[in-house]
Amino acid sequence: MEKTVQINGMMCQHCEMHVKKALEALDGVESAVASHENKKAVITLKAGASLDEEKVKAAINNAGYEFVKMN
C-alpha cells in the first residue's frame, strides 16, 4: 500500500534525502521517495502495516519541513 504526503519546504536533493530518512525510520514503512519539485513524498508500507498520520506529521515537522496532508 502507498500513501502520498504533501510537504512544503523541500528545496533540493538534500532535503529529499532528509525527508526520506525521517519517513523510513517510522514503523511499518518499507520505503519512501521524496520529490522537492512535486512537493510530496510517496511512502510504501510493509505488508499488513498501517501508518498513523500524526506520526508522519511529527517526523516531517521534526525534520524541519511542513506537513500539509496525507492521502
C-alpha atoms as a PDB file:
ATOM      1  CA  MET A   1       0.000   0.000   0.000  1.00  0.00           C
ATOM      2  CA  GLU A   2       1.201   3.508  -0.775  1.00  0.00           C
ATOM      3  CA  LYS A   3       0.474   6.818   0.910  1.00  0.00           C
ATOM      4  CA  THR A   4       1.242  10.231  -0.564  1.00  0.00           C
ATOM      5  CA  VAL A   5       2.236  13.100   1.685  1.00  0.00           C
ATOM      6  CA  GLN A   6       2.293  16.730   0.582  1.00  0.00           C
ATOM      7  CA  ILE A   7       5.220  18.603   2.108  1.00  0.00           C
ATOM      8  CA  ASN A   8       6.310  22.243   1.975  1.00  0.00           C
ATOM      9  CA  GLY A   9       9.860  23.463   2.486  1.00  0.00           C
ATOM     10  CA  MET A  10      11.929  20.979   0.467  1.00  0.00           C
ATOM     11  CA  MET A  11      14.230  22.829  -1.925  1.00  0.00           C
ATOM     12  CA  CYS A  12      16.880  20.342  -3.094  1.00  0.00           C
ATOM     13  CA  GLN A  13      18.001  16.710  -3.198  1.00  0.00           C
ATOM     14  CA  HIS A  14      19.499  17.045   0.273  1.00  0.00           C
ATOM     15  CA  CYS A  15      16.032  17.956   1.565  1.00  0.00           C
ATOM     16  CA  GLU A  16      14.599  14.908  -0.215  1.00  0.00           C
ATOM     17  CA  MET A  17      17.128  12.613   1.481  1.00  0.00           C
ATOM     18  CA  HIS A  18      16.404  14.163   4.883  1.00  0.00           C
ATOM     19  CA  VAL A  19      12.655  13.554   4.475  1.00  0.00           C
ATOM     20  CA  LYS A  20      13.267  10.030   3.112  1.00  0.00           C
ATOM     21  CA  LYS A  21      15.390   9.131   6.134  1.00  0.00           C
ATOM     22  CA  ALA A  22      12.824  10.554   8.587  1.00  0.00           C
ATOM     23  CA  LEU A  23       9.942   8.646   6.984  1.00  0.00           C
ATOM     24  CA  GLU A  24      11.818   5.364   6.618  1.00  0.00           C
ATOM     25  CA  ALA A  25      12.550   5.446  10.358  1.00  0.00           C
ATOM     26  CA  LEU A  26       8.822   5.035  11.093  1.00  0.00           C
ATOM     27  CA  ASP A  27       7.452   1.603  11.983  1.00  0.00           C
ATOM     28  CA  GLY A  28       5.683  -0.059   9.065  1.00  0.00           C
ATOM     29  CA  VAL A  29       7.424   1.953   6.340  1.00  0.00           C
ATOM     30  CA  GLU A  30       9.201  -0.147   3.731  1.00  0.00           C
ATOM     31  CA  SER A  31      10.472   2.784   1.659  1.00  0.00           C
ATOM     32  CA  ALA A  32       9.896   6.453   0.917  1.00  0.00           C
ATOM     33  CA  VAL A  33      10.630   8.592  -2.128  1.00  0.00           C
ATOM     34  CA  ALA A  34      10.529  12.377  -1.748  1.00  0.00           C
ATOM     35  CA  SER A  35      10.423  14.999  -4.507  1.00  0.00           C
ATOM     36  CA  HIS A  36      11.119  18.662  -3.841  1.00  0.00           C
ATOM     37  CA  GLU A  37       9.850  19.508  -7.330  1.00  0.00           C
ATOM     38  CA  ASN A  38       6.452  17.877  -6.702  1.00  0.00           C
ATOM     39  CA  LYS A  39       6.387  18.880  -3.021  1.00  0.00           C
ATOM     40  CA  LYS A  40       5.465  15.364  -1.958  1.00  0.00           C
ATOM     41  CA  ALA A  41       6.696  12.029  -0.706  1.00  0.00           C
ATOM     42  CA  VAL A  42       5.355   8.604  -1.608  1.00  0.00           C
ATOM     43  CA  ILE A  43       5.533   6.108   1.247  1.00  0.00           C
ATOM     44  CA  THR A  44       5.372   2.355   0.595  1.00  0.00           C
ATOM     45  CA  LEU A  45       4.147   0.372   3.588  1.00  0.00           C
ATOM     46  CA  LYS A  46       5.201  -3.122   4.583  1.00  0.00           C
ATOM     47  CA  ALA A  47       2.581  -5.835   4.015  1.00  0.00           C
ATOM     48  CA  GLY A  48      -0.193  -5.566   6.597  1.00  0.00           C
ATOM     49  CA  ALA A  49       1.224  -2.384   8.130  1.00  0.00           C
ATOM     50  CA  SER A  50      -0.727   0.765   8.887  1.00  0.00           C
ATOM     51  CA  LEU A  51       0.541   4.294   9.275  1.00  0.00           C
ATOM     52  CA  ASP A  52      -0.548   6.881  11.819  1.00  0.00           C
ATOM     53  CA  GLU A  53      -0.898  10.304  10.191  1.00  0.00           C
ATOM     54  CA  GLU A  54       0.173  12.072  13.397  1.00  0.00           C
ATOM     55  CA  LYS A  55       3.467  10.130  13.436  1.00  0.00           C
ATOM     56  CA  VAL A  56       4.102  11.060   9.798  1.00  0.00           C
ATOM     57  CA  LYS A  57       3.329  14.707  10.562  1.00  0.00           C
ATOM     58  CA  ALA A  58       5.689  14.678  13.563  1.00  0.00           C
ATOM     59  CA  ALA A  59       8.502  13.029  11.566  1.00  0.00           C
ATOM     60  CA  ILE A  60       8.262  15.623   8.786  1.00  0.00           C
ATOM     61  CA  ASN A  61       7.929  18.599  11.131  1.00  0.00           C
ATOM     62  CA  ASN A  62      10.814  17.377  13.314  1.00  0.00           C
ATOM     63  CA  ALA A  63      12.950  17.091  10.169  1.00  0.00           C
ATOM     64  CA  GLY A  64      12.334  20.806   9.570  1.00  0.00           C
ATOM     65  CA  TYR A  65       9.674  20.681   6.871  1.00  0.00           C
ATOM     66  CA  GLU A  66       5.939  21.415   6.810  1.00  0.00           C
ATOM     67  CA  PHE A  67       3.431  18.545   6.666  1.00  0.00           C
ATOM     68  CA  VAL A  68       0.441  19.609   4.529  1.00  0.00           C
ATOM     69  CA  LYS A  69      -1.714  16.479   4.173  1.00  0.00           C
ATOM     70  CA  MET A  70      -1.602  12.739   3.615  1.00  0.00           C
ATOM     71  CA  ASN A  71      -3.653  10.774   1.054  1.00  0.00           C
END
